[in-house]
C-alpha atoms as a PDB file:
ATOM      1  CA  MET A   1      -3.441   2.004  27.752  1.00  0.00           C
ATOM      2  CA  GLU A   2      -5.190  -1.484  28.488  1.00  0.00           C
ATOM      3  CA  GLN A   3      -5.276  -4.455  26.218  1.00  0.00           C
ATOM      4  CA  LYS A   4      -7.557  -7.137  26.361  1.00  0.00           C
ATOM      5  CA  GLN A   5      -7.111 -10.721  24.694  1.00  0.00           C
ATOM      6  CA  ILE A   6     -10.824 -11.568  23.668  1.00  0.00           C
ATOM      7  CA  GLN A   7     -12.569 -14.266  21.354  1.00  0.00           C
ATOM      8  CA  PHE A   8     -15.436 -13.299  19.118  1.00  0.00           C
ATOM      9  CA  ALA A   9     -17.741 -15.554  16.721  1.00  0.00           C
ATOM     10  CA  SER A  10     -17.337 -15.898  13.252  1.00  0.00           C
ATOM     11  CA  ARG A  11     -19.672 -18.017  10.749  1.00  0.00           C
ATOM     12  CA  HIS A  12     -18.566 -21.297  12.413  1.00  0.00           C
ATOM     13  CA  PHE A  13     -16.010 -20.690  15.132  1.00  0.00           C
ATOM     14  CA  ASN A  14     -14.347 -18.311  17.525  1.00  0.00           C
ATOM     15  CA  LEU A  15     -11.281 -15.528  16.203  1.00  0.00           C
ATOM     16  CA  ALA A  16      -8.652 -14.436  18.298  1.00  0.00           C
ATOM     17  CA  GLY A  17      -8.207 -10.741  19.039  1.00  0.00           C
ATOM     18  CA  VAL A  18      -6.793  -8.184  21.153  1.00  0.00           C
ATOM     19  CA  LEU A  19      -9.104  -5.044  21.855  1.00  0.00           C
ATOM     20  CA  ASN A  20      -6.396  -1.980  22.814  1.00  0.00           C
ATOM     21  CA  LEU A  21      -8.074   0.459  25.301  1.00  0.00           C
ATOM     22  CA  PRO A  22      -6.995   4.067  25.343  1.00  0.00           C
ATOM     23  CA  ASP A  23      -6.070   4.898  28.751  1.00  0.00           C
ATOM     24  CA  HIS A  24      -8.984   6.980  30.674  1.00  0.00           C
ATOM     25  CA  LEU A  25     -11.140   5.929  28.422  1.00  0.00           C
ATOM     26  CA  ASP A  26     -14.794   7.211  29.470  1.00  0.00           C
ATOM     27  CA  THR A  27     -17.316   3.950  29.097  1.00  0.00           C
ATOM     28  CA  THR A  28     -20.245   5.811  29.426  1.00  0.00           C
ATOM     29  CA  VAL A  29     -20.221   7.314  26.345  1.00  0.00           C
ATOM     30  CA  GLN A  30     -19.516   5.921  23.136  1.00  0.00           C
ATOM     31  CA  HIS A  31     -16.330   6.622  20.825  1.00  0.00           C
ATOM     32  CA  PRO A  32     -14.917   5.691  17.689  1.00  0.00           C
ATOM     33  CA  ALA A  33     -12.965   2.153  16.901  1.00  0.00           C
ATOM     34  CA  ILE A  34     -10.820   1.176  14.044  1.00  0.00           C
ATOM     35  CA  VAL A  35     -10.537  -2.774  13.115  1.00  0.00           C
ATOM     36  CA  VAL A  36      -6.882  -3.636  12.088  1.00  0.00           C
ATOM     37  CA  SER A  37      -6.014  -6.413   9.755  1.00  0.00           C
ATOM     38  CA  HIS A  38      -2.943  -8.450   9.268  1.00  0.00           C
ATOM     39  CA  PRO A  39      -0.882  -9.273   5.881  1.00  0.00           C
ATOM     40  CA  SER A  40      -0.856 -12.874   4.850  1.00  0.00           C
ATOM     41  CA  SER A  41       1.371 -14.953   6.777  1.00  0.00           C
ATOM     42  CA  SER A  42       0.940 -12.367   9.464  1.00  0.00           C
ATOM     43  CA  ASP A  43      -0.639 -12.433  13.230  1.00  0.00           C
ATOM     44  CA  LYS A  44      -2.331 -10.249  15.430  1.00  0.00           C
ATOM     45  CA  GLN A  45       1.364  -9.855  17.337  1.00  0.00           C
ATOM     46  CA  GLN A  46       3.349  -8.322  14.286  1.00  0.00           C
ATOM     47  CA  THR A  47       2.640  -5.044  12.515  1.00  0.00           C
ATOM     48  CA  SER A  48      -1.192  -5.322  12.877  1.00  0.00           C
ATOM     49  CA  GLY A  49      -0.977  -5.163  16.984  1.00  0.00           C
ATOM     50  CA  LEU A  50       1.951  -2.669  16.269  1.00  0.00           C
ATOM     51  CA  TYR A  51      -0.613   0.026  14.587  1.00  0.00           C
ATOM     52  CA  ALA A  52      -3.515  -0.992  16.727  1.00  0.00           C
ATOM     53  CA  GLN A  53      -1.638  -0.447  19.684  1.00  0.00           C
ATOM     54  CA  LYS A  54      -0.112   3.246  18.635  1.00  0.00           C
ATOM     55  CA  LEU A  55      -3.445   4.098  17.312  1.00  0.00           C
ATOM     56  CA  ALA A  56      -5.393   2.941  20.405  1.00  0.00           C
ATOM     57  CA  ALA A  57      -2.533   5.388  22.343  1.00  0.00           C
ATOM     58  CA  GLN A  58      -4.322   8.134  19.935  1.00  0.00           C
ATOM     59  CA  GLY A  59      -7.009   7.733  21.474  1.00  0.00           C
ATOM     60  CA  PHE A  60      -9.128   5.457  19.619  1.00  0.00           C
ATOM     61  CA  ILE A  61     -10.588   1.518  20.260  1.00  0.00           C
ATOM     62  CA  THR A  62      -8.590  -0.370  18.116  1.00  0.00           C
ATOM     63  CA  LEU A  63      -9.050  -4.650  17.218  1.00  0.00           C
ATOM     64  CA  ALA A  64      -6.636  -6.722  15.634  1.00  0.00           C
ATOM     65  CA  PHE A  65      -7.299  -9.958  15.004  1.00  0.00           C
ATOM     66  CA  ASP A  66      -5.574 -13.396  14.022  1.00  0.00           C
ATOM     67  CA  ALA A  67      -7.551 -14.128  10.631  1.00  0.00           C
ATOM     68  CA  GLY A  68      -9.773 -17.378  10.659  1.00  0.00           C
ATOM     69  CA  TYR A  69      -7.664 -20.571  10.593  1.00  0.00           C
ATOM     70  CA  GLN A  70      -4.550 -18.597  11.290  1.00  0.00           C
ATOM     71  CA  GLY A  71      -2.788 -17.845  14.479  1.00  0.00           C
ATOM     72  CA  GLN A  72      -4.566 -18.030  17.627  1.00  0.00           C
ATOM     73  CA  SER A  73      -8.021 -18.463  15.733  1.00  0.00           C
ATOM     74  CA  GLU A  74      -9.986 -21.452  15.969  1.00  0.00           C
ATOM     75  CA  GLY A  75     -10.461 -23.321  12.236  1.00  0.00           C
ATOM     76  CA  THR A  76      -9.695 -25.965  10.804  1.00  0.00           C
ATOM     77  CA  PRO A  77      -7.780 -27.379   8.442  1.00  0.00           C
ATOM     78  CA  ARG A  78      -4.935 -24.854   9.579  1.00  0.00           C
ATOM     79  CA  TYR A  79      -2.940 -22.342   7.555  1.00  0.00           C
ATOM     80  CA  ILE A  80      -6.141 -21.524   4.902  1.00  0.00           C
ATOM     81  CA  GLU A  81      -5.834 -18.206   3.242  1.00  0.00           C
ATOM     82  CA  ASP A  82      -9.146 -17.418   1.967  1.00  0.00           C
ATOM     83  CA  PRO A  83      -9.871 -13.941   0.331  1.00  0.00           C
ATOM     84  CA  ALA A  84     -13.138 -14.288   1.237  1.00  0.00           C
ATOM     85  CA  VAL A  85     -12.857 -15.598   4.943  1.00  0.00           C
ATOM     86  CA  ARG A  86      -9.988 -12.986   5.495  1.00  0.00           C
ATOM     87  CA  THR A  87     -12.711 -10.421   3.852  1.00  0.00           C
ATOM     88  CA  GLU A  88     -15.999 -11.521   6.007  1.00  0.00           C
ATOM     89  CA  ASP A  89     -13.465 -11.842   9.189  1.00  0.00           C
ATOM     90  CA  ILE A  90     -13.122  -7.981   9.108  1.00  0.00           C
ATOM     91  CA  SER A  91     -17.149  -7.505   9.115  1.00  0.00           C
ATOM     92  CA  PHE A  92     -17.584 -10.139  12.186  1.00  0.00           C
ATOM     93  CA  ALA A  93     -14.528  -8.056  14.032  1.00  0.00           C
ATOM     94  CA  ILE A  94     -17.209  -5.093  13.424  1.00  0.00           C
ATOM     95  CA  ASP A  95     -19.991  -7.718  14.787  1.00  0.00           C
ATOM     96  CA  TYR A  96     -18.156  -7.782  18.088  1.00  0.00           C
ATOM     97  CA  LEU A  97     -17.292  -4.351  18.304  1.00  0.00           C
ATOM     98  CA  VAL A  98     -21.042  -2.706  17.672  1.00  0.00           C
ATOM     99  CA  THR A  99     -21.908  -5.357  20.824  1.00  0.00           C
ATOM    100  CA  LEU A 100     -19.751  -3.102  23.023  1.00  0.00           C
ATOM    101  CA  PRO A 101     -21.927  -0.133  24.412  1.00  0.00           C
ATOM    102  CA  TYR A 102     -18.838   2.353  24.815  1.00  0.00           C
ATOM    103  CA  VAL A 103     -18.256   1.521  20.647  1.00  0.00           C
ATOM    104  CA  ASP A 104     -20.484   3.918  18.687  1.00  0.00           C
ATOM    105  CA  ALA A 105     -22.044   1.732  15.537  1.00  0.00           C
ATOM    106  CA  ASN A 106     -21.574   4.915  13.242  1.00  0.00           C
ATOM    107  CA  ARG A 107     -18.147   5.613  14.009  1.00  0.00           C
ATOM    108  CA  ILE A 108     -16.166   2.681  12.870  1.00  0.00           C
ATOM    109  CA  GLY A 109     -12.652   2.777  10.394  1.00  0.00           C
ATOM    110  CA  ALA A 110     -10.677  -0.451   9.412  1.00  0.00           C
ATOM    111  CA  LEU A 111      -6.734   0.017   8.518  1.00  0.00           C
ATOM    112  CA  GLY A 112      -5.011  -2.975   6.679  1.00  0.00           C
ATOM    113  CA  ILE A 113      -1.592  -3.812   5.753  1.00  0.00           C
ATOM    114  CA  CYS A 114      -0.095  -5.674   2.742  1.00  0.00           C
ATOM    115  CA  ALA A 115      -2.765  -8.311   1.935  1.00  0.00           C
ATOM    116  CA  GLY A 116      -4.944  -7.056   5.239  1.00  0.00           C
ATOM    117  CA  GLY A 117      -5.339  -3.761   3.452  1.00  0.00           C
ATOM    118  CA  GLY A 118      -6.337  -5.191   0.017  1.00  0.00           C
ATOM    119  CA  TYR A 119      -8.909  -7.610   2.137  1.00  0.00           C
ATOM    120  CA  THR A 120     -10.140  -4.137   3.858  1.00  0.00           C
ATOM    121  CA  ILE A 121     -10.831  -2.405   0.575  1.00  0.00           C
ATOM    122  CA  ASN A 122     -12.338  -5.915  -0.292  1.00  0.00           C
ATOM    123  CA  ALA A 123     -14.619  -5.004   2.998  1.00  0.00           C
ATOM    124  CA  ALA A 124     -15.328  -1.627   2.668  1.00  0.00           C
ATOM    125  CA  LYS A 125     -17.086  -1.924  -1.006  1.00  0.00           C
ATOM    126  CA  THR A 126     -20.160  -4.184   0.730  1.00  0.00           C
ATOM    127  CA  ASP A 127     -19.685  -3.685   4.142  1.00  0.00           C
ATOM    128  CA  ARG A 128     -21.063  -0.097   4.992  1.00  0.00           C
ATOM    129  CA  ARG A 129     -20.782   0.195   8.796  1.00  0.00           C
ATOM    130  CA  ILE A 130     -16.957   0.973   7.720  1.00  0.00           C
ATOM    131  CA  LYS A 131     -16.758   4.695   7.484  1.00  0.00           C
ATOM    132  CA  ALA A 132     -13.172   5.040   7.128  1.00  0.00           C
ATOM    133  CA  VAL A 133     -11.112   3.258   5.214  1.00  0.00           C
ATOM    134  CA  ALA A 134      -6.639   3.377   5.318  1.00  0.00           C
ATOM    135  CA  THR A 135      -4.003   1.386   4.402  1.00  0.00           C
ATOM    136  CA  ALA A 136      -0.043   1.081   4.749  1.00  0.00           C
ATOM    137  CA  ALA A 137       1.390  -0.851   1.818  1.00  0.00           C
ATOM    138  CA  ALA A 138      -1.953  -2.234   0.433  1.00  0.00           C
ATOM    139  CA  ALA A 139      -1.026  -5.232  -1.914  1.00  0.00           C
ATOM    140  CA  ASN A 140      -3.550  -7.210  -4.076  1.00  0.00           C
ATOM    141  CA  VAL A 141      -2.769 -10.635  -2.979  1.00  0.00           C
ATOM    142  CA  GLY A 142      -4.248 -12.101  -6.051  1.00  0.00           C
ATOM    143  CA  ALA A 143      -2.342 -10.148  -8.299  1.00  0.00           C
ATOM    144  CA  VAL A 144       0.676 -10.418  -6.576  1.00  0.00           C
ATOM    145  CA  TYR A 145       0.312 -14.506  -6.859  1.00  0.00           C
ATOM    146  CA  ARG A 146      -0.658 -14.142 -10.298  1.00  0.00           C
ATOM    147  CA  GLU A 147       2.194 -12.444 -11.486  1.00  0.00           C
ATOM    148  CA  ALA A 148       4.561 -14.698  -9.357  1.00  0.00           C
ATOM    149  CA  PHE A 149       3.762 -17.848 -11.268  1.00  0.00           C
ATOM    150  CA  GLY A 150       4.429 -16.064 -14.781  1.00  0.00           C
ATOM    151  CA  PRO A 151       2.707 -16.362 -17.656  1.00  0.00           C
ATOM    152  CA  ASP A 152      -0.832 -17.885 -18.309  1.00  0.00           C
ATOM    153  CA  ALA A 153       0.380 -21.497 -19.201  1.00  0.00           C
ATOM    154  CA  THR A 154       2.312 -21.007 -16.198  1.00  0.00           C
ATOM    155  CA  LEU A 155      -0.529 -20.262 -13.774  1.00  0.00           C
ATOM    156  CA  LEU A 156      -3.293 -22.315 -15.725  1.00  0.00           C
ATOM    157  CA  GLN A 157      -0.787 -25.392 -14.865  1.00  0.00           C
ATOM    158  CA  THR A 158      -0.679 -24.397 -11.298  1.00  0.00           C
ATOM    159  CA  LEU A 159      -4.342 -24.153 -10.778  1.00  0.00           C
ATOM    160  CA  GLU A 160      -4.044 -28.114 -12.224  1.00  0.00           C
ATOM    161  CA  GLN A 161      -1.632 -29.313 -10.067  1.00  0.00           C
ATOM    162  CA  ILE A 162      -3.693 -27.715  -7.087  1.00  0.00           C
ATOM    163  CA  GLY A 163      -6.991 -29.867  -8.578  1.00  0.00           C
ATOM    164  CA  GLN A 164      -4.725 -32.586  -8.294  1.00  0.00           C
ATOM    165  CA  GLN A 165      -3.481 -32.023  -4.826  1.00  0.00           C
ATOM    166  CA  ARG A 166      -7.084 -31.188  -3.465  1.00  0.00           C
ATOM    167  CA  THR A 167      -8.467 -34.703  -5.043  1.00  0.00           C
ATOM    168  CA  ALA A 168      -5.578 -36.957  -3.749  1.00  0.00           C
ATOM    169  CA  GLU A 169      -6.318 -34.792  -0.480  1.00  0.00           C
ATOM    170  CA  ALA A 170     -10.118 -35.853  -0.819  1.00  0.00           C
ATOM    171  CA  GLN A 171      -8.990 -39.759  -0.826  1.00  0.00           C
ATOM    172  CA  GLY A 172      -6.707 -40.051   2.027  1.00  0.00           C
ATOM    173  CA  ALA A 173      -3.567 -38.434   0.977  1.00  0.00           C
ATOM    174  CA  GLU A 174      -1.448 -35.825   3.701  1.00  0.00           C
ATOM    175  CA  PRO A 175      -2.018 -32.165   3.041  1.00  0.00           C
ATOM    176  CA  MET A 176       0.555 -30.407   1.105  1.00  0.00           C
ATOM    177  CA  ILE A 177       1.906 -27.420   3.743  1.00  0.00           C
ATOM    178  CA  THR A 178       4.175 -25.108   1.617  1.00  0.00           C
ATOM    179  CA  GLN A 179       5.194 -22.136   2.933  1.00  0.00           C
ATOM    180  CA  TRP A 180       5.300 -18.266   2.001  1.00  0.00           C
ATOM    181  CA  ILE A 181       8.704 -17.267   1.690  1.00  0.00           C
ATOM    182  CA  PRO A 182      12.130 -18.723   2.663  1.00  0.00           C
ATOM    183  CA  ASN A 183      12.268 -20.043   6.405  1.00  0.00           C
ATOM    184  CA  SER A 184      15.645 -18.255   6.761  1.00  0.00           C
ATOM    185  CA  PRO A 185      18.100 -15.583   5.087  1.00  0.00           C
ATOM    186  CA  ALA A 186      20.201 -18.804   4.411  1.00  0.00           C
ATOM    187  CA  GLU A 187      17.457 -20.806   2.322  1.00  0.00           C
ATOM    188  CA  LEU A 188      16.703 -17.252   0.804  1.00  0.00           C
ATOM    189  CA  GLU A 189      20.036 -16.853  -0.406  1.00  0.00           C
ATOM    190  CA  GLN A 190      20.345 -20.299  -1.744  1.00  0.00           C
ATOM    191  CA  ALA A 191      16.950 -19.708  -3.317  1.00  0.00           C
ATOM    192  CA  GLY A 192      18.304 -16.750  -5.383  1.00  0.00           C
ATOM    193  CA  TYR A 193      15.587 -14.063  -4.625  1.00  0.00           C
ATOM    194  CA  GLN A 194      16.749 -11.167  -5.527  1.00  0.00           C
ATOM    195  CA  ASP A 195      13.758  -8.980  -5.174  1.00  0.00           C
ATOM    196  CA  ARG A 196      13.471  -6.232  -2.365  1.00  0.00           C
ATOM    197  CA  ASP A 197      10.299  -7.319  -1.115  1.00  0.00           C
ATOM    198  CA  TYR A 198      10.964 -11.187  -0.741  1.00  0.00           C
ATOM    199  CA  ILE A 199      14.781 -10.265   1.303  1.00  0.00           C
ATOM    200  CA  GLU A 200      13.125  -7.636   3.212  1.00  0.00           C
ATOM    201  CA  ALA A 201      10.201  -9.914   3.868  1.00  0.00           C
ATOM    202  CA  VAL A 202      12.788 -12.960   5.629  1.00  0.00           C
ATOM    203  CA  ASP A 203      13.837 -10.207   7.635  1.00  0.00           C
ATOM    204  CA  TYR A 204      11.124  -9.225   8.666  1.00  0.00           C
ATOM    205  CA  TYR A 205       9.020 -12.431   9.362  1.00  0.00           C
ATOM    206  CA  ARG A 206      11.989 -14.931   9.560  1.00  0.00           C
ATOM    207  CA  THR A 207      14.874 -13.677  12.059  1.00  0.00           C
ATOM    208  CA  PRO A 208      14.022 -11.970  15.748  1.00  0.00           C
ATOM    209  CA  ARG A 209      13.081  -8.524  14.222  1.00  0.00           C
ATOM    210  CA  GLY A 210       9.276  -9.735  13.838  1.00  0.00           C
ATOM    211  CA  GLN A 211       9.110 -13.681  13.908  1.00  0.00           C
ATOM    212  CA  ASP A 212       6.408 -14.508  15.861  1.00  0.00           C
ATOM    213  CA  GLU A 213       5.324 -18.641  17.064  1.00  0.00           C
ATOM    214  CA  PHE A 214       2.104 -17.884  15.693  1.00  0.00           C
ATOM    215  CA  ALA A 215       2.875 -16.921  12.686  1.00  0.00           C
ATOM    216  CA  PRO A 216       4.644 -20.048  11.263  1.00  0.00           C
ATOM    217  CA  ASN A 217       5.364 -19.460   7.602  1.00  0.00           C
ATOM    218  CA  HIS A 218       2.763 -22.393   6.632  1.00  0.00           C
ATOM    219  CA  LEU A 219       0.045 -21.945   3.822  1.00  0.00           C
ATOM    220  CA  ARG A 220      -2.049 -24.629   2.882  1.00  0.00           C
ATOM    221  CA  PHE A 221      -1.498 -25.087  -0.991  1.00  0.00           C
ATOM    222  CA  THR A 222      -4.655 -26.107  -1.996  1.00  0.00           C
ATOM    223  CA  SER A 223      -5.870 -22.845  -0.522  1.00  0.00           C
ATOM    224  CA  LEU A 224      -3.890 -20.696  -3.472  1.00  0.00           C
ATOM    225  CA  ALA A 225      -6.965 -21.593  -5.896  1.00  0.00           C
ATOM    226  CA  GLN A 226      -9.169 -18.906  -3.509  1.00  0.00           C
ATOM    227  CA  VAL A 227      -5.970 -16.523  -3.684  1.00  0.00           C
ATOM    228  CA  LEU A 228      -5.274 -16.718  -7.282  1.00  0.00           C
ATOM    229  CA  GLY A 229      -9.021 -16.142  -8.284  1.00  0.00           C
ATOM    230  CA  PHE A 230      -8.851 -12.906  -5.982  1.00  0.00           C
ATOM    231  CA  ASP A 231      -8.636  -9.138  -7.140  1.00  0.00           C
ATOM    232  CA  ALA A 232      -8.691  -6.770  -4.408  1.00  0.00           C
ATOM    233  CA  GLY A 233      -9.675  -3.853  -7.117  1.00  0.00           C
ATOM    234  CA  HIS A 234     -12.645  -5.634  -8.127  1.00  0.00           C
ATOM    235  CA  LEU A 235     -15.317  -2.622  -8.160  1.00  0.00           C
ATOM    236  CA  VAL A 236     -13.724  -0.150  -6.254  1.00  0.00           C
ATOM    237  CA  GLU A 237     -15.262   2.393  -9.299  1.00  0.00           C
ATOM    238  CA  LYS A 238     -18.564   1.655  -8.092  1.00  0.00           C
ATOM    239  CA  LEU A 239     -18.584   0.714  -4.312  1.00  0.00           C
ATOM    240  CA  LEU A 240     -15.492   2.610  -2.927  1.00  0.00           C
ATOM    241  CA  THR A 241     -16.881   5.011  -1.475  1.00  0.00           C
ATOM    242  CA  GLN A 242     -15.813   6.181   1.530  1.00  0.00           C
ATOM    243  CA  PRO A 243     -13.166   8.508   2.717  1.00  0.00           C
ATOM    244  CA  LEU A 244      -9.531   7.127   1.747  1.00  0.00           C
ATOM    245  CA  CYS A 245      -6.077   7.383   3.281  1.00  0.00           C
ATOM    246  CA  LEU A 246      -3.295   5.283   1.658  1.00  0.00           C
ATOM    247  CA  VAL A 247       0.038   4.953   2.653  1.00  0.00           C
ATOM    248  CA  VAL A 248       3.021   3.577   0.303  1.00  0.00           C
ATOM    249  CA  GLY A 249       6.383   3.593   0.116  1.00  0.00           C
ATOM    250  CA  GLU A 250       8.642   5.002  -2.284  1.00  0.00           C
ATOM    251  CA  LYS A 251      10.522   1.467  -3.073  1.00  0.00           C
ATOM    252  CA  PRO A 252       8.723  -0.404  -5.521  1.00  0.00           C
ATOM    253  CA  GLY A 253       9.252  -4.244  -5.111  1.00  0.00           C
ATOM    254  CA  ALA A 254       7.335  -8.220  -6.184  1.00  0.00           C
ATOM    255  CA  PHE A 255       4.500  -7.143  -3.656  1.00  0.00           C
ATOM    256  CA  GLY A 256       3.195  -4.354  -5.404  1.00  0.00           C
ATOM    257  CA  SER A 257       2.086  -2.034  -3.029  1.00  0.00           C
ATOM    258  CA  TYR A 258       3.631   1.222  -4.850  1.00  0.00           C
ATOM    259  CA  ARG A 259       1.600   0.442  -7.823  1.00  0.00           C
ATOM    260  CA  PHE A 260      -1.424  -0.992  -6.005  1.00  0.00           C
ATOM    261  CA  GLY A 261      -1.683   2.277  -3.928  1.00  0.00           C
ATOM    262  CA  TRP A 262      -1.962   4.393  -7.162  1.00  0.00           C
ATOM    263  CA  GLU A 263      -4.123   2.028  -8.817  1.00  0.00           C
ATOM    264  CA  ILE A 264      -6.756   1.839  -5.666  1.00  0.00           C
ATOM    265  CA  TYR A 265      -6.213   5.885  -5.698  1.00  0.00           C
ATOM    266  CA  ASP A 266      -7.097   6.681  -9.166  1.00  0.00           C
ATOM    267  CA  ARG A 267      -9.927   3.692  -9.570  1.00  0.00           C
ATOM    268  CA  ALA A 268     -11.519   4.208  -6.213  1.00  0.00           C
ATOM    269  CA  ALA A 269     -15.343   5.842  -6.199  1.00  0.00           C
ATOM    270  CA  ALA A 270     -14.185   8.065  -3.448  1.00  0.00           C
ATOM    271  CA  THR A 271     -14.399  11.564  -3.659  1.00  0.00           C
ATOM    272  CA  ASP A 272     -12.686  12.444  -0.123  1.00  0.00           C
ATOM    273  CA  LYS A 273      -9.176  10.287  -1.100  1.00  0.00           C
ATOM    274  CA  THR A 274      -5.504  10.696  -0.486  1.00  0.00           C
ATOM    275  CA  LEU A 275      -2.010   8.811  -1.492  1.00  0.00           C
ATOM    276  CA  THR A 276       0.975  10.040   0.280  1.00  0.00           C
ATOM    277  CA  VAL A 277       4.265   8.538  -1.156  1.00  0.00           C
ATOM    278  CA  LEU A 278       6.963   7.911   1.555  1.00  0.00           C
ATOM    279  CA  PRO A 279      10.508   8.961   0.114  1.00  0.00           C
ATOM    280  CA  GLY A 280      13.226   6.508   0.764  1.00  0.00           C
ATOM    281  CA  VAL A 281      10.520   4.041   2.200  1.00  0.00           C
ATOM    282  CA  SER A 282       9.859   0.376   1.211  1.00  0.00           C
ATOM    283  CA  HIS A 283       7.048  -2.219   1.706  1.00  0.00           C
ATOM    284  CA  TYR A 284       8.641  -3.721   4.661  1.00  0.00           C
ATOM    285  CA  ASP A 285       9.630  -0.190   6.308  1.00  0.00           C
ATOM    286  CA  LEU A 286       5.731   0.258   6.905  1.00  0.00           C
ATOM    287  CA  TYR A 287       5.492  -3.031   9.094  1.00  0.00           C
ATOM    288  CA  ASP A 288       7.710  -1.644  12.040  1.00  0.00           C
ATOM    289  CA  GLN A 289      10.321   0.638  11.359  1.00  0.00           C
ATOM    290  CA  PRO A 290      10.029   3.650  13.942  1.00  0.00           C
ATOM    291  CA  ALA A 291      10.365   6.603  11.424  1.00  0.00           C
ATOM    292  CA  PRO A 292       8.236   5.086   8.515  1.00  0.00           C
ATOM    293  CA  VAL A 293       5.611   4.107  10.983  1.00  0.00           C
ATOM    294  CA  LYS A 294       5.442   7.397  12.210  1.00  0.00           C
ATOM    295  CA  GLN A 295       5.308   9.005   9.083  1.00  0.00           C
ATOM    296  CA  ALA A 296       2.199   6.505   8.504  1.00  0.00           C
ATOM    297  CA  LEU A 297       0.297   7.483  11.487  1.00  0.00           C
ATOM    298  CA  ALA A 298       0.859  11.262  10.427  1.00  0.00           C
ATOM    299  CA  GLN A 299      -1.703  10.665   8.147  1.00  0.00           C
ATOM    300  CA  PHE A 300      -3.949   7.775   9.852  1.00  0.00           C
ATOM    301  CA  VAL A 301      -4.471   9.633  13.125  1.00  0.00           C
ATOM    302  CA  PRO A 302      -5.958  12.970  11.745  1.00  0.00           C
ATOM    303  CA  PHE A 303      -7.837  10.831   8.988  1.00  0.00           C
ATOM    304  CA  PHE A 304      -9.592   9.044  11.155  1.00  0.00           C
ATOM    305  CA  GLN A 305     -10.229  11.925  13.752  1.00  0.00           C
ATOM    306  CA  ALA A 306     -11.757  13.975  10.607  1.00  0.00           C
ATOM    307  CA  HIS A 307     -13.958  10.716   9.123  1.00  0.00           C
ATOM    308  CA  LEU A 308     -15.459   8.927  12.757  1.00  0.00           C
END
């Protein structure tokens, strides 16, 4: 497999990606390609890069990339998580792929992990160039954070605080940079988190298991307003018609991928759709653990072969 470090244009700046080319690729003919989107707080060198490489080993051209304002992609201010940007980044990745003479513009697929799965679903609703949609442990990041802030009164209070902070920054205050999860197992224990997904998130992102210098666990506080107003499931019963392959772990957690998988499966307009629930598997097992990743790929590879 050949890997190319690339940059491609988004609306106002360049995004950083890794283009994975299968061994012995015949560049004189056109091939299918798959865009792979990372979770929130993540980058292309973590789980999305892992899936992109494994799909390339099965003969697909794949592109994993860093979201705008994050990782090695350009964009200021830094550490913004904007669902509209994250969604359109997928379309910009497709814009790049279709310029390559050896990519078939009519055989583009998309895969997303965790929040990247929700953004992939969101992109497919309106970008009809995406011919097949797959997700691993897809999460609706807006719903996750609305639930995390609890009752509606608390949610509204948080939005008031975001507005006040945005005003303060417009008037010259330093930006508020918060974090997605506790920064270490010790901080996790001190904070008293007991949910499986938070515990495993820290184990993945903040230990040598998955830690990466370009995923520093930073989030610009004011961008939470866009996250809190986002719903990846909006209009799926009308617009999400492409073939759909959803894989989730059986073990539930705060990030809701098991529940969201069922929601999308039940509501999506697609007539060709599958939901695979992996027994004994958690949300973060699907990020990098060999057996669950192999089980997910056992669904994704024939799915993309059939539909691309």
